[in-house]
Amino acid sequence: MTSKEQENLLYKDEVYAIIGATFEVYNTLGSGFLEAVYQEALSIELKNRHIPFQEQTPINIAYKGIKLNTVYYSDFLCYSQILVEIKALDCLISSHESQLLNYMHGTKLPVGLLINFGNANKLEWKRFVL
């Protein structure tokens, strides 16, 4: 990626702030906890960093312009535009990516972050843009 492409990243500063919070949680807790522990810890860290977020917020999904009765609950919706899905697994696999991309398509939200706290060696994260 060129420096020009990096300058034009959608919500670059916001994503950077969120990822910083996730690294703080990972560096403090390490791996090995259930997802609920990371959910609560990340909520505290986002609040401490004054990152606007909603947790477990119901988000409507539309199909061909029609709102579905089925509601998706995001782990976090940050800055009202960035979906954040967290996992606590050994590693991320393509179905986790597909899940987030489907939520992004269904909600029409432009940016998503997939975060995995479960890897013993490192925090795993991926950024997706529609």
N, C-alpha and C. Protein backbone atom coordinates (compact mmCIF):
# COMPACT_ATOMS: atom_id res chain seq x y z
N MET A 1 0.85 -1.17 0.00
CA MET A 1 0.00 0.00 0.00
C MET A 1 0.90 1.24 0.00
N THR A 2 0.61 2.15 -0.90
CA THR A 2 1.40 3.37 -0.98
C THR A 2 0.99 4.34 0.11
N SER A 3 1.83 5.33 0.37
CA SER A 3 1.49 6.33 1.38
C SER A 3 0.27 7.13 0.98
N LYS A 4 0.06 7.33 -0.33
CA LYS A 4 -1.13 8.04 -0.80
C LYS A 4 -2.39 7.22 -0.50
N GLU A 5 -2.32 5.91 -0.71
CA GLU A 5 -3.46 5.04 -0.40
C GLU A 5 -3.75 5.06 1.10
N GLN A 6 -2.71 5.07 1.92
CA GLN A 6 -2.90 5.11 3.37
C GLN A 6 -3.57 6.40 3.80
N GLU A 7 -3.23 7.51 3.13
CA GLU A 7 -3.85 8.79 3.46
C GLU A 7 -5.35 8.77 3.21
N ASN A 8 -5.77 8.01 2.21
CA ASN A 8 -7.17 8.00 1.80
C ASN A 8 -7.99 6.89 2.44
N LEU A 9 -7.45 6.19 3.42
CA LEU A 9 -8.20 5.14 4.09
C LEU A 9 -9.44 5.72 4.75
N LEU A 10 -10.56 5.07 4.54
CA LEU A 10 -11.82 5.50 5.14
C LEU A 10 -11.77 5.31 6.65
N TYR A 11 -12.06 6.37 7.39
CA TYR A 11 -12.06 6.35 8.86
C TYR A 11 -10.72 5.88 9.44
N LYS A 12 -9.64 6.32 8.83
CA LYS A 12 -8.30 5.89 9.23
C LYS A 12 -8.02 6.19 10.71
N ASP A 13 -8.27 7.40 11.15
CA ASP A 13 -7.97 7.78 12.53
C ASP A 13 -8.86 7.05 13.52
N GLU A 14 -10.12 6.86 13.15
CA GLU A 14 -11.05 6.16 14.02
C GLU A 14 -10.66 4.69 14.18
N VAL A 15 -10.30 4.06 13.07
CA VAL A 15 -9.87 2.65 13.12
C VAL A 15 -8.60 2.54 13.96
N TYR A 16 -7.69 3.46 13.76
CA TYR A 16 -6.44 3.46 14.54
C TYR A 16 -6.74 3.54 16.04
N ALA A 17 -7.67 4.38 16.42
CA ALA A 17 -8.03 4.53 17.83
C ALA A 17 -8.64 3.24 18.38
N ILE A 18 -9.52 2.62 17.61
CA ILE A 18 -10.16 1.37 18.05
C ILE A 18 -9.11 0.26 18.20
N ILE A 19 -8.25 0.13 17.21
CA ILE A 19 -7.21 -0.91 17.25
C ILE A 19 -6.28 -0.67 18.44
N GLY A 20 -5.96 0.58 18.72
CA GLY A 20 -5.15 0.88 19.90
C GLY A 20 -5.80 0.38 21.18
N ALA A 21 -7.11 0.56 21.28
CA ALA A 21 -7.84 0.08 22.46
C ALA A 21 -7.80 -1.45 22.54
N THR A 22 -7.93 -2.12 21.40
CA THR A 22 -7.91 -3.58 21.41
C THR A 22 -6.53 -4.12 21.80
N PHE A 23 -5.46 -3.44 21.34
CA PHE A 23 -4.12 -3.86 21.74
C PHE A 23 -3.93 -3.69 23.25
N GLU A 24 -4.47 -2.64 23.81
CA GLU A 24 -4.36 -2.44 25.26
C GLU A 24 -5.04 -3.58 26.02
N VAL A 25 -6.22 -3.96 25.55
CA VAL A 25 -6.94 -5.07 26.19
C VAL A 25 -6.13 -6.36 26.05
N TYR A 26 -5.63 -6.64 24.85
CA TYR A 26 -4.87 -7.87 24.62
C TYR A 26 -3.58 -7.87 25.45
N ASN A 27 -2.88 -6.76 25.47
CA ASN A 27 -1.62 -6.69 26.22
C ASN A 27 -1.85 -6.82 27.72
N THR A 28 -3.00 -6.39 28.19
CA THR A 28 -3.32 -6.48 29.62
C THR A 28 -3.81 -7.86 30.01
N LEU A 29 -4.73 -8.43 29.21
CA LEU A 29 -5.35 -9.71 29.57
C LEU A 29 -4.67 -10.92 28.94
N GLY A 30 -4.03 -10.73 27.79
CA GLY A 30 -3.50 -11.87 27.06
C GLY A 30 -4.63 -12.66 26.44
N SER A 31 -4.33 -13.88 26.03
CA SER A 31 -5.35 -14.74 25.43
C SER A 31 -5.85 -15.73 26.47
N GLY A 32 -6.92 -16.44 26.14
CA GLY A 32 -7.38 -17.51 27.00
C GLY A 32 -8.70 -17.28 27.70
N PHE A 33 -9.24 -16.08 27.64
CA PHE A 33 -10.54 -15.81 28.26
C PHE A 33 -11.66 -16.02 27.26
N LEU A 34 -12.87 -16.09 27.78
CA LEU A 34 -14.05 -16.15 26.92
C LEU A 34 -14.29 -14.79 26.28
N GLU A 35 -15.02 -14.80 25.18
CA GLU A 35 -15.31 -13.57 24.44
C GLU A 35 -15.98 -12.52 25.33
N ALA A 36 -16.83 -12.95 26.25
CA ALA A 36 -17.54 -12.01 27.12
C ALA A 36 -16.58 -11.17 27.96
N VAL A 37 -15.46 -11.75 28.36
CA VAL A 37 -14.46 -11.01 29.15
C VAL A 37 -13.85 -9.90 28.30
N TYR A 38 -13.50 -10.24 27.06
CA TYR A 38 -12.92 -9.24 26.16
C TYR A 38 -13.95 -8.16 25.80
N GLN A 39 -15.20 -8.58 25.66
CA GLN A 39 -16.27 -7.63 25.37
C GLN A 39 -16.35 -6.57 26.47
N GLU A 40 -16.36 -7.03 27.70
CA GLU A 40 -16.46 -6.10 28.83
C GLU A 40 -15.21 -5.24 28.96
N ALA A 41 -14.04 -5.85 28.81
CA ALA A 41 -12.79 -5.10 28.93
C ALA A 41 -12.67 -4.05 27.82
N LEU A 42 -13.05 -4.43 26.60
CA LEU A 42 -12.96 -3.48 25.49
C LEU A 42 -13.95 -2.33 25.70
N SER A 43 -15.10 -2.62 26.24
CA SER A 43 -16.06 -1.57 26.55
C SER A 43 -15.45 -0.55 27.51
N ILE A 44 -14.77 -1.03 28.52
CA ILE A 44 -14.11 -0.14 29.49
C ILE A 44 -13.03 0.68 28.79
N GLU A 45 -12.24 0.02 27.96
CA GLU A 45 -11.13 0.72 27.29
C GLU A 45 -11.64 1.76 26.30
N LEU A 46 -12.68 1.44 25.55
CA LEU A 46 -13.25 2.42 24.62
C LEU A 46 -13.77 3.64 25.38
N LYS A 47 -14.43 3.37 26.49
CA LYS A 47 -14.96 4.47 27.31
C LYS A 47 -13.81 5.33 27.85
N ASN A 48 -12.75 4.69 28.35
CA ASN A 48 -11.61 5.42 28.89
C ASN A 48 -10.93 6.29 27.83
N ARG A 49 -11.00 5.85 26.58
CA ARG A 49 -10.36 6.59 25.48
C ARG A 49 -11.33 7.56 24.80
N HIS A 50 -12.52 7.67 25.32
CA HIS A 50 -13.54 8.58 24.78
C HIS A 50 -13.87 8.26 23.32
N ILE A 51 -13.89 6.98 23.01
CA ILE A 51 -14.29 6.53 21.68
C ILE A 51 -15.78 6.26 21.72
N PRO A 52 -16.56 6.97 20.92
CA PRO A 52 -18.01 6.75 20.96
C PRO A 52 -18.36 5.36 20.45
N PHE A 53 -19.19 4.66 21.22
CA PHE A 53 -19.56 3.30 20.82
C PHE A 53 -20.91 2.93 21.42
N GLN A 54 -21.50 1.95 20.80
CA GLN A 54 -22.68 1.28 21.33
C GLN A 54 -22.33 -0.19 21.39
N GLU A 55 -22.80 -0.85 22.42
CA GLU A 55 -22.47 -2.26 22.64
C GLU A 55 -23.73 -3.10 22.52
N GLN A 56 -23.60 -4.24 21.83
CA GLN A 56 -24.72 -5.16 21.64
C GLN A 56 -25.97 -4.41 21.16
N THR A 57 -25.76 -3.52 20.23
CA THR A 57 -26.84 -2.71 19.70
C THR A 57 -27.58 -3.46 18.60
N PRO A 58 -28.90 -3.48 18.66
CA PRO A 58 -29.63 -4.11 17.56
C PRO A 58 -29.50 -3.27 16.30
N ILE A 59 -29.16 -3.93 15.22
CA ILE A 59 -29.01 -3.26 13.93
C ILE A 59 -29.90 -3.98 12.93
N ASN A 60 -30.74 -3.21 12.27
CA ASN A 60 -31.64 -3.79 11.28
C ASN A 60 -30.89 -4.14 10.00
N ILE A 61 -31.33 -5.21 9.41
CA ILE A 61 -30.78 -5.65 8.13
C ILE A 61 -31.90 -5.57 7.11
N ALA A 62 -31.55 -5.08 5.94
CA ALA A 62 -32.54 -4.96 4.87
C ALA A 62 -32.25 -5.95 3.76
N TYR A 63 -33.31 -6.41 3.13
CA TYR A 63 -33.22 -7.25 1.95
C TYR A 63 -34.01 -6.58 0.84
N LYS A 64 -33.32 -6.17 -0.21
CA LYS A 64 -33.94 -5.48 -1.34
C LYS A 64 -34.78 -4.30 -0.87
N GLY A 65 -34.22 -3.58 0.09
CA GLY A 65 -34.88 -2.38 0.59
C GLY A 65 -35.95 -2.62 1.63
N ILE A 66 -36.17 -3.88 1.99
CA ILE A 66 -37.20 -4.21 2.98
C ILE A 66 -36.51 -4.61 4.28
N LYS A 67 -36.90 -3.93 5.36
CA LYS A 67 -36.32 -4.24 6.67
C LYS A 67 -36.77 -5.62 7.12
N LEU A 68 -35.81 -6.45 7.48
CA LEU A 68 -36.12 -7.80 7.95
C LEU A 68 -36.49 -7.78 9.42
N ASN A 69 -37.29 -8.75 9.84
CA ASN A 69 -37.63 -8.88 11.25
C ASN A 69 -36.44 -9.35 12.07
N THR A 70 -35.57 -10.12 11.43
CA THR A 70 -34.37 -10.60 12.10
C THR A 70 -33.44 -9.42 12.36
N VAL A 71 -32.96 -9.33 13.56
CA VAL A 71 -32.10 -8.22 13.96
C VAL A 71 -30.72 -8.77 14.27
N TYR A 72 -29.70 -8.06 13.83
CA TYR A 72 -28.31 -8.41 14.10
C TYR A 72 -27.85 -7.58 15.30
N TYR A 73 -27.14 -8.19 16.22
CA TYR A 73 -26.59 -7.48 17.37
C TYR A 73 -25.08 -7.40 17.21
N SER A 74 -24.61 -6.19 16.98
CA SER A 74 -23.17 -6.01 16.80
C SER A 74 -22.48 -6.08 18.16
N ASP A 75 -21.25 -6.60 18.17
CA ASP A 75 -20.48 -6.54 19.41
C ASP A 75 -20.28 -5.08 19.78
N PHE A 76 -19.82 -4.30 18.81
CA PHE A 76 -19.67 -2.86 19.00
C PHE A 76 -19.98 -2.14 17.70
N LEU A 77 -20.58 -1.00 17.83
CA LEU A 77 -20.72 -0.06 16.72
C LEU A 77 -20.03 1.21 17.19
N CYS A 78 -18.89 1.52 16.57
CA CYS A 78 -18.09 2.67 17.00
C CYS A 78 -18.25 3.82 16.00
N TYR A 79 -18.29 5.01 16.53
CA TYR A 79 -18.42 6.21 15.70
C TYR A 79 -19.66 6.15 14.80
N SER A 80 -20.62 5.36 15.16
CA SER A 80 -21.87 5.18 14.40
C SER A 80 -21.66 4.67 12.98
N GLN A 81 -20.44 4.27 12.64
CA GLN A 81 -20.13 3.86 11.26
C GLN A 81 -19.27 2.62 11.15
N ILE A 82 -18.65 2.17 12.22
CA ILE A 82 -17.68 1.08 12.15
C ILE A 82 -18.16 -0.10 12.98
N LEU A 83 -18.45 -1.21 12.30
CA LEU A 83 -18.83 -2.44 13.00
C LEU A 83 -17.57 -3.10 13.55
N VAL A 84 -17.63 -3.54 14.78
CA VAL A 84 -16.51 -4.24 15.39
C VAL A 84 -17.03 -5.57 15.92
N GLU A 85 -16.51 -6.64 15.34
CA GLU A 85 -16.85 -7.99 15.77
C GLU A 85 -15.65 -8.58 16.47
N ILE A 86 -15.85 -9.11 17.66
CA ILE A 86 -14.73 -9.70 18.39
C ILE A 86 -14.91 -11.21 18.51
N LYS A 87 -13.78 -11.88 18.57
CA LYS A 87 -13.73 -13.32 18.74
C LYS A 87 -12.68 -13.64 19.80
N ALA A 88 -12.77 -14.83 20.37
CA ALA A 88 -11.77 -15.34 21.30
C ALA A 88 -11.48 -16.78 20.90
N LEU A 89 -10.83 -16.93 19.76
CA LEU A 89 -10.58 -18.24 19.15
C LEU A 89 -9.10 -18.43 18.87
N ASP A 90 -8.70 -19.67 18.60
CA ASP A 90 -7.29 -19.92 18.28
C ASP A 90 -6.84 -19.12 17.07
N CYS A 91 -7.71 -19.03 16.07
CA CYS A 91 -7.37 -18.27 14.87
C CYS A 91 -8.65 -17.89 14.13
N LEU A 92 -8.54 -16.87 13.31
CA LEU A 92 -9.66 -16.46 12.47
C LEU A 92 -9.71 -17.34 11.22
N ILE A 93 -10.91 -17.61 10.76
CA ILE A 93 -11.07 -18.36 9.52
C ILE A 93 -12.00 -17.59 8.59
N SER A 94 -12.10 -18.03 7.36
CA SER A 94 -12.84 -17.28 6.34
C SER A 94 -14.31 -17.09 6.70
N SER A 95 -14.91 -18.01 7.43
CA SER A 95 -16.33 -17.85 7.78
C SER A 95 -16.54 -16.67 8.73
N HIS A 96 -15.55 -16.35 9.55
CA HIS A 96 -15.65 -15.17 10.42
C HIS A 96 -15.62 -13.90 9.58
N GLU A 97 -14.76 -13.89 8.57
CA GLU A 97 -14.70 -12.76 7.66
C GLU A 97 -16.01 -12.61 6.89
N SER A 98 -16.53 -13.73 6.42
CA SER A 98 -17.79 -13.71 5.67
C SER A 98 -18.93 -13.19 6.53
N GLN A 99 -18.95 -13.59 7.78
CA GLN A 99 -19.99 -13.13 8.70
C GLN A 99 -19.96 -11.60 8.80
N LEU A 100 -18.79 -11.04 9.04
CA LEU A 100 -18.68 -9.59 9.16
C LEU A 100 -19.05 -8.90 7.85
N LEU A 101 -18.58 -9.41 6.74
CA LEU A 101 -18.91 -8.81 5.44
C LEU A 101 -20.41 -8.86 5.18
N ASN A 102 -21.06 -9.95 5.54
CA ASN A 102 -22.51 -10.04 5.38
C ASN A 102 -23.22 -9.00 6.24
N TYR A 103 -22.77 -8.82 7.48
CA TYR A 103 -23.37 -7.80 8.35
C TYR A 103 -23.17 -6.41 7.76
N MET A 104 -21.98 -6.18 7.21
CA MET A 104 -21.71 -4.87 6.61
C MET A 104 -22.62 -4.63 5.41
N HIS A 105 -22.78 -5.64 4.56
CA HIS A 105 -23.67 -5.50 3.40
C HIS A 105 -25.10 -5.28 3.85
N GLY A 106 -25.53 -6.06 4.83
CA GLY A 106 -26.91 -5.96 5.30
C GLY A 106 -27.24 -4.65 5.98
N THR A 107 -26.26 -4.06 6.64
CA THR A 107 -26.48 -2.82 7.37
C THR A 107 -26.08 -1.59 6.57
N LYS A 108 -25.36 -1.81 5.47
CA LYS A 108 -24.84 -0.71 4.64
C LYS A 108 -23.80 0.13 5.38
N LEU A 109 -23.17 -0.44 6.39
CA LEU A 109 -22.10 0.27 7.09
C LEU A 109 -20.79 0.05 6.32
N PRO A 110 -19.99 1.11 6.16
CA PRO A 110 -18.86 1.04 5.23
C PRO A 110 -17.59 0.35 5.74
N VAL A 111 -17.40 0.32 7.05
CA VAL A 111 -16.14 -0.20 7.59
C VAL A 111 -16.44 -1.20 8.69
N GLY A 112 -15.67 -2.29 8.70
CA GLY A 112 -15.80 -3.29 9.75
C GLY A 112 -14.43 -3.75 10.22
N LEU A 113 -14.36 -4.08 11.48
CA LEU A 113 -13.14 -4.62 12.07
C LEU A 113 -13.44 -5.98 12.68
N LEU A 114 -12.62 -6.95 12.37
CA LEU A 114 -12.72 -8.28 12.95
C LEU A 114 -11.51 -8.44 13.87
N ILE A 115 -11.77 -8.64 15.15
CA ILE A 115 -10.72 -8.70 16.16
C ILE A 115 -10.75 -10.06 16.83
N ASN A 116 -9.59 -10.69 16.94
CA ASN A 116 -9.51 -11.97 17.64
C ASN A 116 -8.52 -11.87 18.80
N PHE A 117 -9.03 -12.03 20.00
CA PHE A 117 -8.21 -11.99 21.21
C PHE A 117 -7.68 -13.36 21.60
N GLY A 118 -8.11 -14.43 20.91
CA GLY A 118 -7.80 -15.79 21.35
C GLY A 118 -6.47 -16.34 20.93
N ASN A 119 -5.80 -15.74 19.98
CA ASN A 119 -4.51 -16.24 19.52
C ASN A 119 -3.46 -16.00 20.61
N ALA A 120 -2.76 -17.05 20.99
CA ALA A 120 -1.80 -16.96 22.09
C ALA A 120 -0.57 -16.13 21.73
N ASN A 121 -0.29 -15.98 20.45
CA ASN A 121 0.93 -15.29 20.03
C ASN A 121 0.76 -13.81 19.72
N LYS A 122 -0.47 -13.43 19.32
CA LYS A 122 -0.67 -12.03 18.91
C LYS A 122 -2.15 -11.72 18.81
N LEU A 123 -2.45 -10.43 18.88
CA LEU A 123 -3.80 -9.97 18.59
C LEU A 123 -3.98 -10.03 17.08
N GLU A 124 -5.04 -10.66 16.64
CA GLU A 124 -5.34 -10.71 15.21
C GLU A 124 -6.43 -9.69 14.91
N TRP A 125 -6.25 -8.94 13.83
CA TRP A 125 -7.29 -8.01 13.44
C TRP A 125 -7.25 -7.80 11.92
N LYS A 126 -8.44 -7.58 11.38
CA LYS A 126 -8.58 -7.33 9.95
C LYS A 126 -9.58 -6.20 9.76
N ARG A 127 -9.28 -5.35 8.79
CA ARG A 127 -10.12 -4.20 8.46
C ARG A 127 -10.79 -4.50 7.12
N PHE A 128 -12.09 -4.24 7.04
CA PHE A 128 -12.85 -4.45 5.82
C PHE A 128 -13.57 -3.17 5.44
N VAL A 129 -13.62 -2.89 4.15
CA VAL A 129 -14.30 -1.71 3.63
C VAL A 129 -15.18 -2.14 2.47
N LEU A 130 -16.43 -1.66 2.48
CA LEU A 130 -17.31 -1.93 1.34
C LEU A 130 -17.08 -0.88 0.28
